[in-house]
Amino acid sequence: MLRTVNRVLLGLVGLVLLVLGGAVLAVGLGLEPPSWWIHDGRHDVLLSQAERTRWRDEGWWWPTVIAVLALLVLLALWWLTAVLRRHRLTEVLVDTGDGEGALLRGRALEGVLTSEAARLDGVERAHAHLTGRRGAPEARLRARLQPHEHPADTLHRLTTEAVAHARDSAGLAALPAEVRLRGVKHRAERVS
């Protein structure tokens, strides 16, 4: 969700800046602007003296300007923290069976899942990442396949061995996993 909002906001800001910059550049290069455009011609200023000082004496002007700028700063800070925030699950709640629970470090489960996936036949390298909530974690696995390995076989081994072992050892009812496989690119070999 946050990734989508981030992309939409960046796209809209980029589109607005591109349109405004392109229009100002076109007028600056001497093209005739439409009648509704804010500039009349090549030597027109962005804000005239009258436009800049029009609202200065009004009592509501400066509090409104400060409030809008403060809101923009808060929104920018929220956006920055949302983008920089770590999306990694720090701990997993394990059901111990006695009505209580134990906390398992997320990095420990990621490390075990990574090492077990990397040891499987057909996997050259693997990396695991846990997301979701601590009561309902989700795994994201990236694996690089060895040469001439069939992705379907490797996917089956990853889900039935590595992910199943992690799910069972943590005592989870389910561990949904997103697996991304990447094949190794080979250089051409000369046959003599």
N, C-alpha and C. Protein backbone atom coordinates (compact mmCIF):
# COMPACT_ATOMS: atom_id res chain seq x y z
N MET A 1 0.82 -1.19 0.00
CA MET A 1 0.00 0.00 0.00
C MET A 1 0.87 1.26 0.00
N LEU A 2 1.85 1.29 0.91
CA LEU A 2 2.72 2.46 1.00
C LEU A 2 3.56 2.63 -0.26
N ARG A 3 3.97 1.51 -0.85
CA ARG A 3 4.75 1.58 -2.09
C ARG A 3 3.92 2.20 -3.21
N THR A 4 2.63 1.85 -3.26
CA THR A 4 1.74 2.40 -4.28
C THR A 4 1.53 3.89 -4.07
N VAL A 5 1.26 4.29 -2.81
CA VAL A 5 1.08 5.71 -2.51
C VAL A 5 2.35 6.48 -2.85
N ASN A 6 3.49 5.92 -2.52
CA ASN A 6 4.76 6.58 -2.80
C ASN A 6 4.95 6.78 -4.30
N ARG A 7 4.66 5.77 -5.06
CA ARG A 7 4.83 5.88 -6.52
C ARG A 7 3.84 6.86 -7.13
N VAL A 8 2.59 6.84 -6.65
CA VAL A 8 1.59 7.77 -7.18
C VAL A 8 1.98 9.21 -6.85
N LEU A 9 2.38 9.47 -5.60
CA LEU A 9 2.78 10.83 -5.22
C LEU A 9 4.00 11.29 -6.01
N LEU A 10 5.00 10.44 -6.14
CA LEU A 10 6.17 10.83 -6.93
C LEU A 10 5.81 11.07 -8.39
N GLY A 11 4.93 10.24 -8.92
CA GLY A 11 4.49 10.43 -10.31
C GLY A 11 3.74 11.74 -10.50
N LEU A 12 2.84 12.07 -9.57
CA LEU A 12 2.08 13.32 -9.69
C LEU A 12 2.97 14.54 -9.53
N VAL A 13 3.86 14.51 -8.54
CA VAL A 13 4.78 15.64 -8.36
C VAL A 13 5.67 15.80 -9.59
N GLY A 14 6.18 14.69 -10.10
CA GLY A 14 7.01 14.75 -11.30
C GLY A 14 6.26 15.28 -12.51
N LEU A 15 5.01 14.84 -12.67
CA LEU A 15 4.21 15.30 -13.81
C LEU A 15 3.93 16.80 -13.72
N VAL A 16 3.57 17.28 -12.53
CA VAL A 16 3.29 18.72 -12.34
C VAL A 16 4.55 19.53 -12.62
N LEU A 17 5.69 19.08 -12.07
CA LEU A 17 6.93 19.82 -12.30
C LEU A 17 7.34 19.79 -13.77
N LEU A 18 7.12 18.68 -14.44
CA LEU A 18 7.47 18.58 -15.85
C LEU A 18 6.59 19.50 -16.70
N VAL A 19 5.30 19.53 -16.42
CA VAL A 19 4.38 20.38 -17.21
C VAL A 19 4.69 21.85 -16.97
N LEU A 20 4.83 22.24 -15.69
CA LEU A 20 5.12 23.65 -15.41
C LEU A 20 6.48 24.07 -15.96
N GLY A 21 7.50 23.24 -15.76
CA GLY A 21 8.82 23.58 -16.27
C GLY A 21 8.84 23.65 -17.78
N GLY A 22 8.17 22.71 -18.44
CA GLY A 22 8.11 22.73 -19.90
C GLY A 22 7.37 23.95 -20.42
N ALA A 23 6.29 24.33 -19.74
CA ALA A 23 5.53 25.51 -20.18
C ALA A 23 6.33 26.79 -20.00
N VAL A 24 7.02 26.92 -18.87
CA VAL A 24 7.85 28.11 -18.64
C VAL A 24 9.00 28.15 -19.64
N LEU A 25 9.61 26.99 -19.92
CA LEU A 25 10.68 26.94 -20.90
C LEU A 25 10.18 27.32 -22.29
N ALA A 26 9.00 26.84 -22.66
CA ALA A 26 8.44 27.17 -23.98
C ALA A 26 8.19 28.66 -24.11
N VAL A 27 7.64 29.28 -23.07
CA VAL A 27 7.40 30.73 -23.12
C VAL A 27 8.73 31.48 -23.14
N GLY A 28 9.71 30.98 -22.38
CA GLY A 28 11.03 31.62 -22.36
C GLY A 28 11.75 31.54 -23.69
N LEU A 29 11.47 30.49 -24.46
CA LEU A 29 12.10 30.34 -25.78
C LEU A 29 11.38 31.14 -26.86
N GLY A 30 10.28 31.80 -26.49
CA GLY A 30 9.62 32.67 -27.44
C GLY A 30 8.33 32.16 -28.03
N LEU A 31 7.85 31.00 -27.62
CA LEU A 31 6.57 30.52 -28.11
C LEU A 31 5.43 31.35 -27.52
N GLU A 32 4.38 31.54 -28.27
CA GLU A 32 3.25 32.34 -27.82
C GLU A 32 2.40 31.53 -26.86
N PRO A 33 2.22 31.99 -25.60
CA PRO A 33 1.42 31.23 -24.63
C PRO A 33 -0.07 31.40 -24.91
N PRO A 34 -0.89 30.45 -24.43
CA PRO A 34 -2.34 30.60 -24.58
C PRO A 34 -2.84 31.78 -23.73
N SER A 35 -4.05 32.22 -24.00
CA SER A 35 -4.58 33.42 -23.33
C SER A 35 -4.79 33.20 -21.83
N TRP A 36 -5.02 31.98 -21.40
CA TRP A 36 -5.28 31.70 -19.99
C TRP A 36 -4.01 31.47 -19.18
N TRP A 37 -2.86 31.46 -19.83
CA TRP A 37 -1.60 31.16 -19.14
C TRP A 37 -1.17 32.31 -18.25
N ILE A 38 -0.43 32.01 -17.18
CA ILE A 38 -0.07 33.02 -16.19
C ILE A 38 0.97 34.01 -16.69
N HIS A 39 1.70 33.69 -17.75
CA HIS A 39 2.69 34.61 -18.32
C HIS A 39 2.16 35.15 -19.64
N ASP A 40 2.47 36.43 -19.87
CA ASP A 40 2.01 37.05 -21.12
C ASP A 40 3.04 36.93 -22.23
N GLY A 41 4.28 36.79 -21.87
CA GLY A 41 5.29 36.72 -22.91
C GLY A 41 6.66 36.43 -22.32
N ARG A 42 7.65 36.59 -23.18
CA ARG A 42 9.00 36.21 -22.84
C ARG A 42 9.60 37.05 -21.71
N HIS A 43 9.24 38.32 -21.61
CA HIS A 43 9.84 39.22 -20.63
C HIS A 43 8.92 39.46 -19.42
N ASP A 44 7.90 38.66 -19.27
CA ASP A 44 6.97 38.78 -18.14
C ASP A 44 7.62 38.17 -16.89
N VAL A 45 7.35 38.79 -15.72
CA VAL A 45 7.86 38.25 -14.46
C VAL A 45 6.86 37.28 -13.88
N LEU A 46 7.36 36.39 -13.00
CA LEU A 46 6.48 35.40 -12.39
C LEU A 46 5.48 36.05 -11.46
N LEU A 47 5.95 36.89 -10.55
CA LEU A 47 5.07 37.63 -9.64
C LEU A 47 5.44 39.11 -9.71
N SER A 48 4.45 39.94 -10.01
CA SER A 48 4.72 41.37 -10.06
C SER A 48 4.76 41.94 -8.65
N GLN A 49 5.16 43.20 -8.52
CA GLN A 49 5.22 43.86 -7.22
C GLN A 49 3.83 43.89 -6.58
N ALA A 50 2.80 44.16 -7.35
CA ALA A 50 1.43 44.22 -6.81
C ALA A 50 0.96 42.85 -6.35
N GLU A 51 1.28 41.80 -7.09
CA GLU A 51 0.88 40.45 -6.69
C GLU A 51 1.59 39.99 -5.43
N ARG A 52 2.86 40.40 -5.26
CA ARG A 52 3.61 39.98 -4.08
C ARG A 52 3.14 40.67 -2.82
N THR A 53 2.68 41.91 -2.91
CA THR A 53 2.30 42.67 -1.72
C THR A 53 0.80 42.79 -1.54
N ARG A 54 0.03 42.09 -2.32
CA ARG A 54 -1.43 42.23 -2.30
C ARG A 54 -2.05 41.89 -0.96
N TRP A 55 -1.66 40.78 -0.34
CA TRP A 55 -2.31 40.30 0.89
C TRP A 55 -1.50 40.60 2.14
N ARG A 56 -0.44 41.33 2.04
CA ARG A 56 0.47 41.55 3.16
C ARG A 56 -0.22 42.20 4.37
N ASP A 57 -1.14 43.12 4.15
CA ASP A 57 -1.77 43.84 5.25
C ASP A 57 -2.99 43.12 5.82
N GLU A 58 -3.41 42.03 5.23
CA GLU A 58 -4.55 41.28 5.75
C GLU A 58 -4.12 40.49 6.99
N GLY A 59 -4.99 40.40 7.99
CA GLY A 59 -4.66 39.73 9.24
C GLY A 59 -4.59 38.21 9.13
N TRP A 60 -5.25 37.63 8.17
CA TRP A 60 -5.29 36.18 8.03
C TRP A 60 -4.15 35.64 7.17
N TRP A 61 -3.46 36.51 6.43
CA TRP A 61 -2.51 36.05 5.42
C TRP A 61 -1.32 35.29 6.02
N TRP A 62 -0.60 35.91 6.95
CA TRP A 62 0.61 35.27 7.46
C TRP A 62 0.31 34.02 8.29
N PRO A 63 -0.73 34.00 9.14
CA PRO A 63 -1.04 32.72 9.82
C PRO A 63 -1.40 31.61 8.84
N THR A 64 -2.07 31.95 7.75
CA THR A 64 -2.42 30.94 6.75
C THR A 64 -1.18 30.43 6.03
N VAL A 65 -0.29 31.32 5.66
CA VAL A 65 0.95 30.93 4.99
C VAL A 65 1.78 30.02 5.91
N ILE A 66 1.91 30.41 7.18
CA ILE A 66 2.70 29.62 8.13
C ILE A 66 2.04 28.25 8.35
N ALA A 67 0.71 28.21 8.47
CA ALA A 67 0.02 26.94 8.69
C ALA A 67 0.18 26.01 7.49
N VAL A 68 0.07 26.54 6.29
CA VAL A 68 0.22 25.70 5.09
C VAL A 68 1.64 25.19 4.97
N LEU A 69 2.62 26.04 5.23
CA LEU A 69 4.01 25.61 5.15
C LEU A 69 4.32 24.57 6.24
N ALA A 70 3.79 24.76 7.45
CA ALA A 70 3.99 23.79 8.51
C ALA A 70 3.36 22.45 8.15
N LEU A 71 2.18 22.49 7.54
CA LEU A 71 1.53 21.26 7.11
C LEU A 71 2.34 20.55 6.02
N LEU A 72 2.89 21.31 5.10
CA LEU A 72 3.74 20.72 4.06
C LEU A 72 5.00 20.10 4.65
N VAL A 73 5.60 20.74 5.65
CA VAL A 73 6.78 20.18 6.30
C VAL A 73 6.42 18.89 7.03
N LEU A 74 5.30 18.87 7.75
CA LEU A 74 4.87 17.66 8.45
C LEU A 74 4.59 16.52 7.48
N LEU A 75 3.92 16.82 6.37
CA LEU A 75 3.66 15.79 5.36
C LEU A 75 4.96 15.26 4.75
N ALA A 76 5.90 16.15 4.50
CA ALA A 76 7.18 15.71 3.94
C ALA A 76 7.94 14.84 4.94
N LEU A 77 7.91 15.21 6.23
CA LEU A 77 8.57 14.39 7.24
C LEU A 77 7.90 13.03 7.40
N TRP A 78 6.56 13.01 7.35
CA TRP A 78 5.84 11.74 7.42
C TRP A 78 6.22 10.85 6.24
N TRP A 79 6.26 11.43 5.06
CA TRP A 79 6.60 10.68 3.86
C TRP A 79 8.03 10.13 3.98
N LEU A 80 8.95 10.96 4.46
CA LEU A 80 10.33 10.53 4.60
C LEU A 80 10.46 9.38 5.60
N THR A 81 9.81 9.49 6.74
CA THR A 81 9.89 8.40 7.72
C THR A 81 9.21 7.14 7.21
N ALA A 82 8.13 7.29 6.45
CA ALA A 82 7.46 6.11 5.91
C ALA A 82 8.33 5.41 4.87
N VAL A 83 9.09 6.17 4.10
CA VAL A 83 9.95 5.57 3.09
C VAL A 83 11.18 4.93 3.74
N LEU A 84 11.74 5.58 4.75
CA LEU A 84 12.96 5.08 5.37
C LEU A 84 12.71 4.04 6.45
N ARG A 85 11.46 3.89 6.88
CA ARG A 85 11.17 2.94 7.95
C ARG A 85 11.48 1.52 7.49
N ARG A 86 12.01 0.76 8.41
CA ARG A 86 12.37 -0.62 8.08
C ARG A 86 11.10 -1.46 8.08
N HIS A 87 10.94 -2.26 7.08
CA HIS A 87 9.77 -3.11 6.96
C HIS A 87 10.08 -4.54 7.39
N ARG A 88 11.18 -4.74 8.06
CA ARG A 88 11.59 -6.07 8.48
C ARG A 88 10.91 -6.40 9.81
N LEU A 89 10.47 -7.63 9.92
CA LEU A 89 9.83 -8.11 11.14
C LEU A 89 10.91 -8.40 12.17
N THR A 90 10.83 -7.78 13.34
CA THR A 90 11.89 -7.93 14.34
C THR A 90 11.69 -9.15 15.23
N GLU A 91 10.45 -9.56 15.44
CA GLU A 91 10.22 -10.73 16.29
C GLU A 91 8.97 -11.47 15.85
N VAL A 92 8.96 -12.77 16.14
CA VAL A 92 7.84 -13.63 15.78
C VAL A 92 7.30 -14.23 17.07
N LEU A 93 5.99 -14.20 17.23
CA LEU A 93 5.34 -14.76 18.40
C LEU A 93 5.14 -16.26 18.17
N VAL A 94 5.76 -17.07 19.04
CA VAL A 94 5.71 -18.52 18.92
C VAL A 94 4.75 -19.05 19.98
N ASP A 95 3.81 -19.87 19.55
CA ASP A 95 2.87 -20.49 20.49
C ASP A 95 3.57 -21.67 21.17
N THR A 96 3.71 -21.60 22.50
CA THR A 96 4.41 -22.66 23.23
C THR A 96 3.48 -23.79 23.65
N GLY A 97 2.19 -23.63 23.44
CA GLY A 97 1.24 -24.70 23.74
C GLY A 97 0.68 -24.66 25.14
N ASP A 98 1.21 -23.83 26.02
CA ASP A 98 0.73 -23.77 27.40
C ASP A 98 -0.07 -22.50 27.68
N GLY A 99 -0.59 -21.89 26.62
CA GLY A 99 -1.36 -20.67 26.78
C GLY A 99 -0.51 -19.42 26.80
N GLU A 100 0.75 -19.57 26.84
CA GLU A 100 1.67 -18.44 26.82
C GLU A 100 2.40 -18.47 25.49
N GLY A 101 3.21 -17.50 25.27
CA GLY A 101 3.96 -17.44 24.02
C GLY A 101 5.39 -17.05 24.28
N ALA A 102 6.20 -17.29 23.32
CA ALA A 102 7.61 -16.89 23.37
C ALA A 102 7.91 -16.05 22.14
N LEU A 103 8.89 -15.20 22.27
CA LEU A 103 9.28 -14.36 21.15
C LEU A 103 10.56 -14.89 20.53
N LEU A 104 10.52 -15.05 19.23
CA LEU A 104 11.67 -15.51 18.45
C LEU A 104 12.16 -14.32 17.63
N ARG A 105 13.44 -14.07 17.68
CA ARG A 105 13.99 -12.97 16.89
C ARG A 105 13.77 -13.24 15.41
N GLY A 106 13.29 -12.21 14.72
CA GLY A 106 13.02 -12.34 13.30
C GLY A 106 14.28 -12.61 12.50
N ARG A 107 15.38 -12.00 12.88
CA ARG A 107 16.64 -12.22 12.16
C ARG A 107 17.13 -13.65 12.31
N ALA A 108 16.83 -14.26 13.47
CA ALA A 108 17.24 -15.65 13.66
C ALA A 108 16.47 -16.56 12.71
N LEU A 109 15.17 -16.34 12.60
CA LEU A 109 14.37 -17.15 11.68
C LEU A 109 14.76 -16.87 10.23
N GLU A 110 15.06 -15.63 9.91
CA GLU A 110 15.52 -15.30 8.56
C GLU A 110 16.84 -16.01 8.25
N GLY A 111 17.75 -16.01 9.22
CA GLY A 111 19.05 -16.66 9.01
C GLY A 111 18.93 -18.14 8.79
N VAL A 112 18.07 -18.79 9.58
CA VAL A 112 17.87 -20.23 9.42
C VAL A 112 17.22 -20.52 8.06
N LEU A 113 16.22 -19.74 7.71
CA LEU A 113 15.53 -19.93 6.43
C LEU A 113 16.49 -19.69 5.27
N THR A 114 17.33 -18.69 5.37
CA THR A 114 18.31 -18.40 4.32
C THR A 114 19.31 -19.53 4.18
N SER A 115 19.87 -19.99 5.30
CA SER A 115 20.90 -21.04 5.21
C SER A 115 20.31 -22.35 4.73
N GLU A 116 19.10 -22.69 5.16
CA GLU A 116 18.51 -23.95 4.70
C GLU A 116 18.15 -23.87 3.21
N ALA A 117 17.67 -22.72 2.77
CA ALA A 117 17.35 -22.57 1.35
C ALA A 117 18.61 -22.61 0.51
N ALA A 118 19.70 -22.03 0.99
CA ALA A 118 20.95 -22.01 0.22
C ALA A 118 21.59 -23.39 0.14
N ARG A 119 21.29 -24.27 1.09
CA ARG A 119 21.87 -25.62 1.07
C ARG A 119 21.09 -26.58 0.15
N LEU A 120 19.94 -26.19 -0.32
CA LEU A 120 19.15 -27.08 -1.18
C LEU A 120 19.84 -27.28 -2.52
N ASP A 121 19.60 -28.46 -3.11
CA ASP A 121 20.13 -28.73 -4.44
C ASP A 121 19.50 -27.78 -5.44
N GLY A 122 20.32 -27.21 -6.29
CA GLY A 122 19.83 -26.33 -7.34
C GLY A 122 19.85 -24.87 -6.97
N VAL A 123 20.15 -24.54 -5.70
CA VAL A 123 20.17 -23.14 -5.27
C VAL A 123 21.62 -22.71 -5.08
N GLU A 124 22.00 -21.67 -5.78
CA GLU A 124 23.36 -21.15 -5.65
C GLU A 124 23.47 -20.18 -4.48
N ARG A 125 22.50 -19.27 -4.37
CA ARG A 125 22.46 -18.29 -3.28
C ARG A 125 21.02 -18.06 -2.91
N ALA A 126 20.77 -17.71 -1.63
CA ALA A 126 19.41 -17.44 -1.19
C ALA A 126 19.43 -16.33 -0.15
N HIS A 127 18.31 -15.64 -0.04
CA HIS A 127 18.14 -14.61 0.98
C HIS A 127 16.67 -14.60 1.40
N ALA A 128 16.43 -14.59 2.72
CA ALA A 128 15.08 -14.57 3.26
C ALA A 128 14.84 -13.25 3.98
N HIS A 129 13.59 -12.82 3.95
CA HIS A 129 13.18 -11.57 4.57
C HIS A 129 11.79 -11.78 5.15
N LEU A 130 11.59 -11.47 6.42
CA LEU A 130 10.28 -11.64 7.05
C LEU A 130 9.54 -10.31 7.10
N THR A 131 8.27 -10.34 6.77
CA THR A 131 7.40 -9.16 6.85
C THR A 131 6.12 -9.58 7.56
N GLY A 132 5.18 -8.69 7.62
CA GLY A 132 3.89 -9.00 8.23
C GLY A 132 3.86 -8.63 9.70
N ARG A 133 2.97 -9.28 10.44
CA ARG A 133 2.83 -9.04 11.87
C ARG A 133 3.52 -10.15 12.64
N ARG A 134 3.82 -9.90 13.90
CA ARG A 134 4.56 -10.90 14.66
C ARG A 134 3.74 -12.15 14.94
N GLY A 135 2.42 -12.05 14.91
CA GLY A 135 1.57 -13.22 15.08
C GLY A 135 1.28 -13.93 13.77
N ALA A 136 1.49 -13.25 12.67
CA ALA A 136 1.24 -13.83 11.34
C ALA A 136 2.33 -13.37 10.38
N PRO A 137 3.53 -13.93 10.51
CA PRO A 137 4.63 -13.49 9.63
C PRO A 137 4.47 -14.02 8.21
N GLU A 138 5.14 -13.35 7.30
CA GLU A 138 5.19 -13.76 5.90
C GLU A 138 6.66 -13.74 5.49
N ALA A 139 7.02 -14.68 4.65
CA ALA A 139 8.41 -14.80 4.22
C ALA A 139 8.53 -14.38 2.76
N ARG A 140 9.63 -13.72 2.47
CA ARG A 140 9.98 -13.40 1.09
C ARG A 140 11.35 -14.00 0.84
N LEU A 141 11.41 -14.90 -0.11
CA LEU A 141 12.66 -15.59 -0.43
C LEU A 141 13.12 -15.19 -1.82
N ARG A 142 14.40 -14.89 -1.93
CA ARG A 142 15.03 -14.68 -3.24
C ARG A 142 16.10 -15.75 -3.38
N ALA A 143 16.06 -16.44 -4.48
CA ALA A 143 17.04 -17.51 -4.68
C ALA A 143 17.60 -17.41 -6.09
N ARG A 144 18.90 -17.64 -6.20
CA ARG A 144 19.56 -17.71 -7.50
C ARG A 144 19.80 -19.18 -7.81
N LEU A 145 19.32 -19.59 -8.96
CA LEU A 145 19.41 -21.00 -9.35
C LEU A 145 20.78 -21.32 -9.92
N GLN A 146 21.17 -22.57 -9.74
CA GLN A 146 22.40 -23.05 -10.36
C GLN A 146 22.14 -23.29 -11.84
N PRO A 147 23.22 -23.38 -12.62
CA PRO A 147 23.04 -23.61 -14.05
C PRO A 147 22.26 -24.90 -14.33
N HIS A 148 21.42 -24.83 -15.32
CA HIS A 148 20.65 -25.97 -15.83
C HIS A 148 19.69 -26.55 -14.79
N GLU A 149 19.25 -25.74 -13.85
CA GLU A 149 18.31 -26.21 -12.83
C GLU A 149 16.89 -25.82 -13.25
N HIS A 150 15.95 -26.71 -13.01
CA HIS A 150 14.55 -26.46 -13.36
C HIS A 150 13.89 -25.66 -12.23
N PRO A 151 13.31 -24.51 -12.53
CA PRO A 151 12.70 -23.68 -11.49
C PRO A 151 11.56 -24.38 -10.74
N ALA A 152 10.78 -25.19 -11.41
CA ALA A 152 9.65 -25.85 -10.74
C ALA A 152 10.14 -26.81 -9.66
N ASP A 153 11.21 -27.55 -9.96
CA ASP A 153 11.76 -28.47 -8.95
C ASP A 153 12.32 -27.71 -7.75
N THR A 154 13.03 -26.63 -8.02
CA THR A 154 13.61 -25.84 -6.94
C THR A 154 12.52 -25.19 -6.11
N LEU A 155 11.49 -24.68 -6.75
CA LEU A 155 10.38 -24.07 -6.02
C LEU A 155 9.70 -25.10 -5.12
N HIS A 156 9.52 -26.30 -5.62
CA HIS A 156 8.90 -27.36 -4.82
C HIS A 156 9.77 -27.69 -3.60
N ARG A 157 11.07 -27.80 -3.79
CA ARG A 157 11.96 -28.09 -2.66
C ARG A 157 11.98 -26.94 -1.65
N LEU A 158 11.97 -25.70 -2.14
CA LEU A 158 11.97 -24.56 -1.23
C LEU A 158 10.72 -24.54 -0.36
N THR A 159 9.57 -24.79 -0.96
CA THR A 159 8.33 -24.71 -0.19
C THR A 159 8.12 -25.92 0.71
N THR A 160 8.49 -27.11 0.24
CA THR A 160 8.24 -28.30 1.05
C THR A 160 9.33 -28.57 2.08
N GLU A 161 10.51 -28.03 1.88
CA GLU A 161 11.59 -28.28 2.83
C GLU A 161 11.90 -27.04 3.66
N ALA A 162 12.45 -26.00 3.04
CA ALA A 162 12.92 -24.84 3.81
C ALA A 162 11.78 -24.09 4.50
N VAL A 163 10.76 -23.73 3.74
CA VAL A 163 9.66 -22.96 4.33
C VAL A 163 8.86 -23.82 5.31
N ALA A 164 8.64 -25.08 4.98
CA ALA A 164 7.90 -25.96 5.89
C ALA A 164 8.66 -26.19 7.19
N HIS A 165 9.97 -26.36 7.12
CA HIS A 165 10.77 -26.53 8.34
C HIS A 165 10.73 -25.27 9.21
N ALA A 166 10.82 -24.10 8.59
CA ALA A 166 10.75 -22.85 9.35
C ALA A 166 9.38 -22.69 10.00
N ARG A 167 8.33 -23.02 9.27
CA ARG A 167 6.97 -22.92 9.82
C ARG A 167 6.80 -23.87 10.99
N ASP A 168 7.23 -25.12 10.82
CA ASP A 168 7.05 -26.11 11.87
C ASP A 168 7.92 -25.81 13.10
N SER A 169 9.16 -25.38 12.88
CA SER A 169 10.05 -25.11 14.02
C SER A 169 9.60 -23.90 14.82
N ALA A 170 8.95 -22.94 14.19
CA ALA A 170 8.46 -21.76 14.91
C ALA A 170 7.06 -22.00 15.47
N GLY A 171 6.46 -23.14 15.17
CA GLY A 171 5.13 -23.44 15.68
C GLY A 171 4.04 -22.57 15.08
N LEU A 172 4.22 -22.18 13.85
CA LEU A 172 3.24 -21.32 13.18
C LEU A 172 2.20 -22.16 12.47
N ALA A 173 0.97 -21.69 12.45
CA ALA A 173 -0.08 -22.39 11.72
C ALA A 173 0.16 -22.27 10.21
N ALA A 174 0.65 -21.12 9.78
CA ALA A 174 0.92 -20.91 8.36
C ALA A 174 2.08 -19.94 8.22
N LEU A 175 2.83 -20.10 7.18
CA LEU A 175 3.90 -19.18 6.83
C LEU A 175 3.84 -18.92 5.33
N PRO A 176 3.00 -17.97 4.92
CA PRO A 176 2.92 -17.66 3.49
C PRO A 176 4.28 -17.16 2.99
N ALA A 177 4.65 -17.61 1.81
CA ALA A 177 5.96 -17.25 1.28
C ALA A 177 5.84 -16.79 -0.16
N GLU A 178 6.57 -15.75 -0.46
CA GLU A 178 6.71 -15.28 -1.84
C GLU A 178 8.13 -15.62 -2.25
N VAL A 179 8.27 -16.43 -3.29
CA VAL A 179 9.58 -16.90 -3.72
C VAL A 179 9.90 -16.30 -5.08
N ARG A 180 11.05 -15.67 -5.18
CA ARG A 180 11.51 -15.12 -6.45
C ARG A 180 12.77 -15.87 -6.86
N LEU A 181 12.69 -16.49 -7.99
CA LEU A 181 13.82 -17.27 -8.50
C LEU A 181 14.49 -16.51 -9.62
N ARG A 182 15.80 -16.57 -9.64
CA ARG A 182 16.56 -15.92 -10.71
C ARG A 182 17.56 -16.93 -11.24
N GLY A 183 17.58 -17.05 -12.54
CA GLY A 183 18.53 -17.95 -13.18
C GLY A 183 19.87 -17.30 -13.37
N VAL A 184 20.89 -18.12 -13.44
CA VAL A 184 22.24 -17.63 -13.67
C VAL A 184 22.43 -17.43 -15.15
N LYS A 185 22.99 -16.31 -15.54
CA LYS A 185 23.26 -16.05 -16.95
C LYS A 185 24.63 -16.63 -17.30
N HIS A 186 24.69 -17.32 -18.41
CA HIS A 186 25.93 -17.97 -18.81
C HIS A 186 26.54 -17.24 -19.99
N ARG A 187 27.85 -17.30 -20.00
CA ARG A 187 28.54 -16.81 -21.19
C ARG A 187 28.55 -17.93 -22.22
N ALA A 188 28.58 -17.56 -23.44
CA ALA A 188 28.60 -18.55 -24.51
C ALA A 188 29.90 -19.35 -24.45
N GLU A 189 29.78 -20.64 -24.63
CA GLU A 189 30.96 -21.49 -24.64
C GLU A 189 31.21 -21.95 -26.07
N ARG A 190 32.45 -21.97 -26.45
CA ARG A 190 32.81 -22.37 -27.80
C ARG A 190 32.99 -23.88 -27.83
N VAL A 191 32.34 -24.47 -28.78
CA VAL A 191 32.46 -25.93 -28.96
C VAL A 191 33.42 -26.17 -30.11
N SER A 192 34.42 -27.02 -29.87
CA SER A 192 35.40 -27.25 -30.94
C SER A 192 35.22 -28.60 -31.58
